[in-house]
């Protein structure tokens, strides 16, 4: 015996689905906005470190030998001597070289030779940073996920919109491959 569902029940279910969809869309947008803000903050921190490094170099050049440490402690106590040294070295490197490929301060330090490159075979760099090893692990997991997804749903079964999104998301990997191929 089939049960009839009243129009009020159907309307309530439709409203619930719409409400949940709106809630999901809002949460996704907030996550994307937060991701974009974080990426922007990381890029901004690199720019600010370069600016601070340039200004620190200018001040150090005007100080007599032995006065720099005291000056730094008295006037910029919020950073260590080591941070000041790294920022100054980074600014000096940036005067002669491009840091365009660096998206974080750590990447810029590695490019400038301030920090050693991590050895992927050791699962990271000296000091246990682990970024390159972690990077390669994440890259391998991404490859496995992409291949599994393509096996489940081949490209020819995807909509033009899905293909466009896939192309956009794979673009950084293609650029990385091309950069490595060019070396």
C-alpha atoms as a PDB file:
ATOM      1  CA  UNK A   1       0.000   0.000   0.000  1.00  0.00           C
ATOM      2  CA  UNK A   2       1.532   3.289  -1.050  1.00  0.00           C
ATOM      3  CA  UNK A   3       1.513   6.186   1.280  1.00  0.00           C
ATOM      4  CA  UNK A   4       0.571   9.632  -0.025  1.00  0.00           C
ATOM      5  CA  UNK A   5       2.771  12.469   1.012  1.00  0.00           C
ATOM      6  CA  UNK A   6       1.048  15.769   1.558  1.00  0.00           C
ATOM      7  CA  UNK A   7       2.133  18.899  -0.327  1.00  0.00           C
ATOM      8  CA  UNK A   8       3.146  20.476   3.013  1.00  0.00           C
ATOM      9  CA  UNK A   9       5.596  17.639   3.705  1.00  0.00           C
ATOM     10  CA  UNK A  10       7.049  17.899   0.209  1.00  0.00           C
ATOM     11  CA  UNK A  11       7.382  21.685   0.555  1.00  0.00           C
ATOM     12  CA  UNK A  12       9.116  21.264   3.916  1.00  0.00           C
ATOM     13  CA  UNK A  13      11.569  18.748   2.440  1.00  0.00           C
ATOM     14  CA  UNK A  14      12.326  21.010  -0.524  1.00  0.00           C
ATOM     15  CA  UNK A  15      12.915  23.941   1.843  1.00  0.00           C
ATOM     16  CA  UNK A  16      15.233  21.795   3.969  1.00  0.00           C
ATOM     17  CA  UNK A  17      17.239  20.743   0.897  1.00  0.00           C
ATOM     18  CA  UNK A  18      17.463  24.367  -0.248  1.00  0.00           C
ATOM     19  CA  UNK A  19      18.528  25.523   3.218  1.00  0.00           C
ATOM     20  CA  UNK A  20      21.186  22.831   3.459  1.00  0.00           C
ATOM     21  CA  UNK A  21      22.426  23.681  -0.036  1.00  0.00           C
ATOM     22  CA  UNK A  22      22.725  27.366   0.873  1.00  0.00           C
ATOM     23  CA  UNK A  23      24.534  26.435   4.092  1.00  0.00           C
ATOM     24  CA  UNK A  24      26.952  24.244   2.148  1.00  0.00           C
ATOM     25  CA  UNK A  25      27.560  26.903  -0.495  1.00  0.00           C
ATOM     26  CA  UNK A  26      28.260  29.510   2.199  1.00  0.00           C
ATOM     27  CA  UNK A  27      30.682  27.192   4.017  1.00  0.00           C
ATOM     28  CA  UNK A  28      32.527  26.405   0.782  1.00  0.00           C
ATOM     29  CA  UNK A  29      32.800  30.092  -0.087  1.00  0.00           C
ATOM     30  CA  UNK A  30      34.089  30.906   3.408  1.00  0.00           C
ATOM     31  CA  UNK A  31      36.696  28.158   3.094  1.00  0.00           C
ATOM     32  CA  UNK A  32      37.807  29.453  -0.305  1.00  0.00           C
ATOM     33  CA  UNK A  33      37.964  33.026   1.017  1.00  0.00           C
ATOM     34  CA  UNK A  34      40.027  31.898   4.022  1.00  0.00           C
ATOM     35  CA  UNK A  35      42.379  29.969   1.741  1.00  0.00           C
ATOM     36  CA  UNK A  36      42.837  33.026  -0.472  1.00  0.00           C
ATOM     37  CA  UNK A  37      43.408  35.273   2.547  1.00  0.00           C
ATOM     38  CA  UNK A  38      46.007  32.863   3.941  1.00  0.00           C
ATOM     39  CA  UNK A  39      47.830  32.704   0.612  1.00  0.00           C
ATOM     40  CA  UNK A  40      47.790  36.492   0.433  1.00  0.00           C
ATOM     41  CA  UNK A  41      49.083  36.786   3.987  1.00  0.00           C
ATOM     42  CA  UNK A  42      51.975  34.431   3.230  1.00  0.00           C
ATOM     43  CA  UNK A  43      52.901  36.435   0.137  1.00  0.00           C
ATOM     44  CA  UNK A  44      52.594  39.678   2.089  1.00  0.00           C
ATOM     45  CA  UNK A  45      54.840  38.346   4.877  1.00  0.00           C
ATOM     46  CA  UNK A  46      57.574  37.639   2.314  1.00  0.00           C
ATOM     47  CA  UNK A  47      57.282  41.162   0.884  1.00  0.00           C
ATOM     48  CA  UNK A  48      57.358  42.688   4.364  1.00  0.00           C
ATOM     49  CA  UNK A  49      60.401  40.615   5.352  1.00  0.00           C
ATOM     50  CA  UNK A  50      62.196  41.876   2.234  1.00  0.00           C
ATOM     51  CA  UNK A  51      61.312  45.482   3.072  1.00  0.00           C
ATOM     52  CA  UNK A  52      62.455  45.036   6.671  1.00  0.00           C
ATOM     53  CA  UNK A  53      65.651  43.373   5.446  1.00  0.00           C
ATOM     54  CA  UNK A  54      66.437  46.320   3.169  1.00  0.00           C
ATOM     55  CA  UNK A  55      65.856  48.785   6.009  1.00  0.00           C
ATOM     56  CA  UNK A  56      67.930  46.704   8.421  1.00  0.00           C
ATOM     57  CA  UNK A  57      70.795  46.633   5.882  1.00  0.00           C
ATOM     58  CA  UNK A  58      70.598  50.398   5.536  1.00  0.00           C
ATOM     59  CA  UNK A  59      70.792  50.894   9.309  1.00  0.00           C
ATOM     60  CA  UNK A  60      73.580  48.367   9.766  1.00  0.00           C
ATOM     61  CA  UNK A  61      75.665  50.084   7.091  1.00  0.00           C
ATOM     62  CA  UNK A  62      75.556  53.290   9.151  1.00  0.00           C
ATOM     63  CA  UNK A  63      76.629  51.688  12.427  1.00  0.00           C
ATOM     64  CA  UNK A  64      80.178  51.322  13.680  1.00  0.00           C
ATOM     65  CA  UNK A  65      81.532  47.823  14.118  1.00  0.00           C
ATOM     66  CA  UNK A  66      80.200  46.391  17.373  1.00  0.00           C
ATOM     67  CA  UNK A  67      77.291  48.848  17.651  1.00  0.00           C
ATOM     68  CA  UNK A  68      74.874  46.878  15.477  1.00  0.00           C
ATOM     69  CA  UNK A  69      73.850  44.297  18.075  1.00  0.00           C
ATOM     70  CA  UNK A  70      73.178  46.936  20.716  1.00  0.00           C
ATOM     71  CA  UNK A  71      71.260  49.060  18.206  1.00  0.00           C
ATOM     72  CA  UNK A  72      69.131  46.099  17.159  1.00  0.00           C
ATOM     73  CA  UNK A  73      68.342  45.082  20.756  1.00  0.00           C
ATOM     74  CA  UNK A  74      67.437  48.640  21.724  1.00  0.00           C
ATOM     75  CA  UNK A  75      65.416  49.604  18.666  1.00  0.00           C
ATOM     76  CA  UNK A  76      63.956  46.359  17.277  1.00  0.00           C
ATOM     77  CA  UNK A  77      63.654  44.019  20.265  1.00  0.00           C
ATOM     78  CA  UNK A  78      60.778  42.126  18.637  1.00  0.00           C
ATOM     79  CA  UNK A  79      63.131  40.171  16.345  1.00  0.00           C
ATOM     80  CA  UNK A  80      66.191  38.112  17.085  1.00  0.00           C
ATOM     81  CA  UNK A  81      69.648  38.777  15.690  1.00  0.00           C
ATOM     82  CA  UNK A  82      69.209  35.589  13.620  1.00  0.00           C
ATOM     83  CA  UNK A  83      65.954  36.802  12.049  1.00  0.00           C
ATOM     84  CA  UNK A  84      67.528  40.170  11.280  1.00  0.00           C
ATOM     85  CA  UNK A  85      70.508  38.407   9.688  1.00  0.00           C
ATOM     86  CA  UNK A  86      68.227  36.224   7.543  1.00  0.00           C
ATOM     87  CA  UNK A  87      66.090  39.142   6.401  1.00  0.00           C
ATOM     88  CA  UNK A  88      69.158  41.214   5.519  1.00  0.00           C
ATOM     89  CA  UNK A  89      70.693  38.326   3.596  1.00  0.00           C
ATOM     90  CA  UNK A  90      67.381  37.759   1.809  1.00  0.00           C
ATOM     91  CA  UNK A  91      67.153  41.446   0.846  1.00  0.00           C
ATOM     92  CA  UNK A  92      70.731  41.371  -0.419  1.00  0.00           C
ATOM     93  CA  UNK A  93      69.980  38.272  -2.509  1.00  0.00           C
ATOM     94  CA  UNK A  94      66.789  39.872  -3.895  1.00  0.00           C
ATOM     95  CA  UNK A  95      68.782  42.870  -5.155  1.00  0.00           C
ATOM     96  CA  UNK A  96      70.627  40.601  -7.593  1.00  0.00           C
ATOM     97  CA  UNK A  97      68.226  37.684  -8.101  1.00  0.00           C
ATOM     98  CA  UNK A  98      64.561  36.971  -8.614  1.00  0.00           C
ATOM     99  CA  UNK A  99      62.493  35.476  -5.824  1.00  0.00           C
ATOM    100  CA  UNK A 100      59.506  35.116  -8.146  1.00  0.00           C
ATOM    101  CA  UNK A 101      59.303  31.346  -7.650  1.00  0.00           C
ATOM    102  CA  UNK A 102      59.215  31.654  -3.861  1.00  0.00           C
ATOM    103  CA  UNK A 103      55.779  31.811  -2.315  1.00  0.00           C
ATOM    104  CA  UNK A 104      56.913  31.569   1.318  1.00  0.00           C
ATOM    105  CA  UNK A 105      59.747  33.000   3.352  1.00  0.00           C
ATOM    106  CA  UNK A 106      61.169  29.498   3.809  1.00  0.00           C
ATOM    107  CA  UNK A 107      61.242  28.954   0.041  1.00  0.00           C
ATOM    108  CA  UNK A 108      62.940  32.336  -0.390  1.00  0.00           C
ATOM    109  CA  UNK A 109      65.518  31.404   2.274  1.00  0.00           C
ATOM    110  CA  UNK A 110      66.277  28.189   0.385  1.00  0.00           C
ATOM    111  CA  UNK A 111      66.618  30.051  -2.935  1.00  0.00           C
ATOM    112  CA  UNK A 112      68.934  32.570  -1.302  1.00  0.00           C
ATOM    113  CA  UNK A 113      71.060  29.820   0.258  1.00  0.00           C
ATOM    114  CA  UNK A 114      70.136  30.900   3.782  1.00  0.00           C
ATOM    115  CA  UNK A 115      68.591  27.508   4.541  1.00  0.00           C
ATOM    116  CA  UNK A 116      69.753  24.220   3.022  1.00  0.00           C
ATOM    117  CA  UNK A 117      67.541  22.510   0.495  1.00  0.00           C
ATOM    118  CA  UNK A 118      65.705  19.575   1.963  1.00  0.00           C
ATOM    119  CA  UNK A 119      66.845  16.159   0.773  1.00  0.00           C
ATOM    120  CA  UNK A 120      63.729  14.297  -0.454  1.00  0.00           C
ATOM    121  CA  UNK A 121      65.421  10.931   0.064  1.00  0.00           C
ATOM    122  CA  UNK A 122      65.726  11.723   3.764  1.00  0.00           C
ATOM    123  CA  UNK A 123      62.123  12.859   4.125  1.00  0.00           C
ATOM    124  CA  UNK A 124      63.128  16.459   4.691  1.00  0.00           C
ATOM    125  CA  UNK A 125      66.006  18.795   5.240  1.00  0.00           C
ATOM    126  CA  UNK A 126      68.553  19.261   7.946  1.00  0.00           C
ATOM    127  CA  UNK A 127      66.942  20.050  11.236  1.00  0.00           C
ATOM    128  CA  UNK A 128      63.907  17.893  10.543  1.00  0.00           C
ATOM    129  CA  UNK A 129      61.978  20.477   8.527  1.00  0.00           C
ATOM    130  CA  UNK A 130      60.582  17.758   6.326  1.00  0.00           C
ATOM    131  CA  UNK A 131      59.008  20.081   3.767  1.00  0.00           C
ATOM    132  CA  UNK A 132      60.381  18.478   0.595  1.00  0.00           C
ATOM    133  CA  UNK A 133      59.708  14.956   1.827  1.00  0.00           C
ATOM    134  CA  UNK A 134      56.220  16.002   2.877  1.00  0.00           C
ATOM    135  CA  UNK A 135      55.770  17.718  -0.470  1.00  0.00           C
ATOM    136  CA  UNK A 136      56.670  14.589  -2.367  1.00  0.00           C
ATOM    137  CA  UNK A 137      54.397  12.485  -0.167  1.00  0.00           C
ATOM    138  CA  UNK A 138      51.495  14.866  -0.797  1.00  0.00           C
ATOM    139  CA  UNK A 139      52.280  14.910  -4.504  1.00  0.00           C
ATOM    140  CA  UNK A 140      52.202  11.105  -4.620  1.00  0.00           C
ATOM    141  CA  UNK A 141      48.866  11.051  -2.778  1.00  0.00           C
ATOM    142  CA  UNK A 142      47.435  13.620  -5.190  1.00  0.00           C
ATOM    143  CA  UNK A 143      48.582  11.523  -8.144  1.00  0.00           C
ATOM    144  CA  UNK A 144      46.951   8.413  -6.684  1.00  0.00           C
ATOM    145  CA  UNK A 145      43.701  10.290  -6.023  1.00  0.00           C
ATOM    146  CA  UNK A 146      43.614  11.726  -9.552  1.00  0.00           C
ATOM    147  CA  UNK A 147      44.281   8.338 -11.152  1.00  0.00           C
ATOM    148  CA  UNK A 148      41.643   6.637  -8.988  1.00  0.00           C
ATOM    149  CA  UNK A 149      39.102   9.326  -9.856  1.00  0.00           C
ATOM    150  CA  UNK A 150      39.874   9.056 -13.573  1.00  0.00           C
ATOM    151  CA  UNK A 151      39.507   5.291 -13.387  1.00  0.00           C
ATOM    152  CA  UNK A 152      36.097   5.672 -11.748  1.00  0.00           C
ATOM    153  CA  UNK A 153      34.975   8.482 -14.035  1.00  0.00           C
ATOM    154  CA  UNK A 154      37.004   8.841 -17.265  1.00  0.00           C
ATOM    155  CA  UNK A 155      37.436  12.227 -18.946  1.00  0.00           C
ATOM    156  CA  UNK A 156      35.029  11.386 -21.762  1.00  0.00           C
ATOM    157  CA  UNK A 157      32.235  11.041 -19.190  1.00  0.00           C
ATOM    158  CA  UNK A 158      32.815  14.465 -17.669  1.00  0.00           C
ATOM    159  CA  UNK A 159      30.949  17.655 -18.487  1.00  0.00           C
ATOM    160  CA  UNK A 160      32.726  20.599 -20.137  1.00  0.00           C
ATOM    161  CA  UNK A 161      32.451  22.472 -16.797  1.00  0.00           C
ATOM    162  CA  UNK A 162      34.138  19.599 -14.920  1.00  0.00           C
ATOM    163  CA  UNK A 163      36.894  19.504 -17.538  1.00  0.00           C
ATOM    164  CA  UNK A 164      37.451  23.251 -17.179  1.00  0.00           C
ATOM    165  CA  UNK A 165      37.752  22.988 -13.384  1.00  0.00           C
ATOM    166  CA  UNK A 166      40.122  20.028 -13.743  1.00  0.00           C
ATOM    167  CA  UNK A 167      42.265  21.954 -16.229  1.00  0.00           C
ATOM    168  CA  UNK A 168      42.459  24.973 -13.876  1.00  0.00           C
ATOM    169  CA  UNK A 169      43.406  22.817 -10.895  1.00  0.00           C
ATOM    170  CA  UNK A 170      46.092  20.917 -12.832  1.00  0.00           C
ATOM    171  CA  UNK A 171      47.705  24.059 -14.271  1.00  0.00           C
ATOM    172  CA  UNK A 172      50.197  24.523 -11.363  1.00  0.00           C
ATOM    173  CA  UNK A 173      51.365  20.922 -11.818  1.00  0.00           C
ATOM    174  CA  UNK A 174      51.850  21.453 -15.544  1.00  0.00           C
ATOM    175  CA  UNK A 175      53.857  24.616 -14.857  1.00  0.00           C
ATOM    176  CA  UNK A 176      55.999  22.766 -12.320  1.00  0.00           C
ATOM    177  CA  UNK A 177      56.620  19.953 -14.817  1.00  0.00           C
ATOM    178  CA  UNK A 178      57.574  22.441 -17.535  1.00  0.00           C
ATOM    179  CA  UNK A 179      59.932  24.277 -15.172  1.00  0.00           C
ATOM    180  CA  UNK A 180      61.616  21.022 -14.206  1.00  0.00           C
ATOM    181  CA  UNK A 181      61.814  19.933 -17.834  1.00  0.00           C
ATOM    182  CA  UNK A 182      63.479  23.244 -18.766  1.00  0.00           C
ATOM    183  CA  UNK A 183      66.334  22.763 -16.269  1.00  0.00           C
END
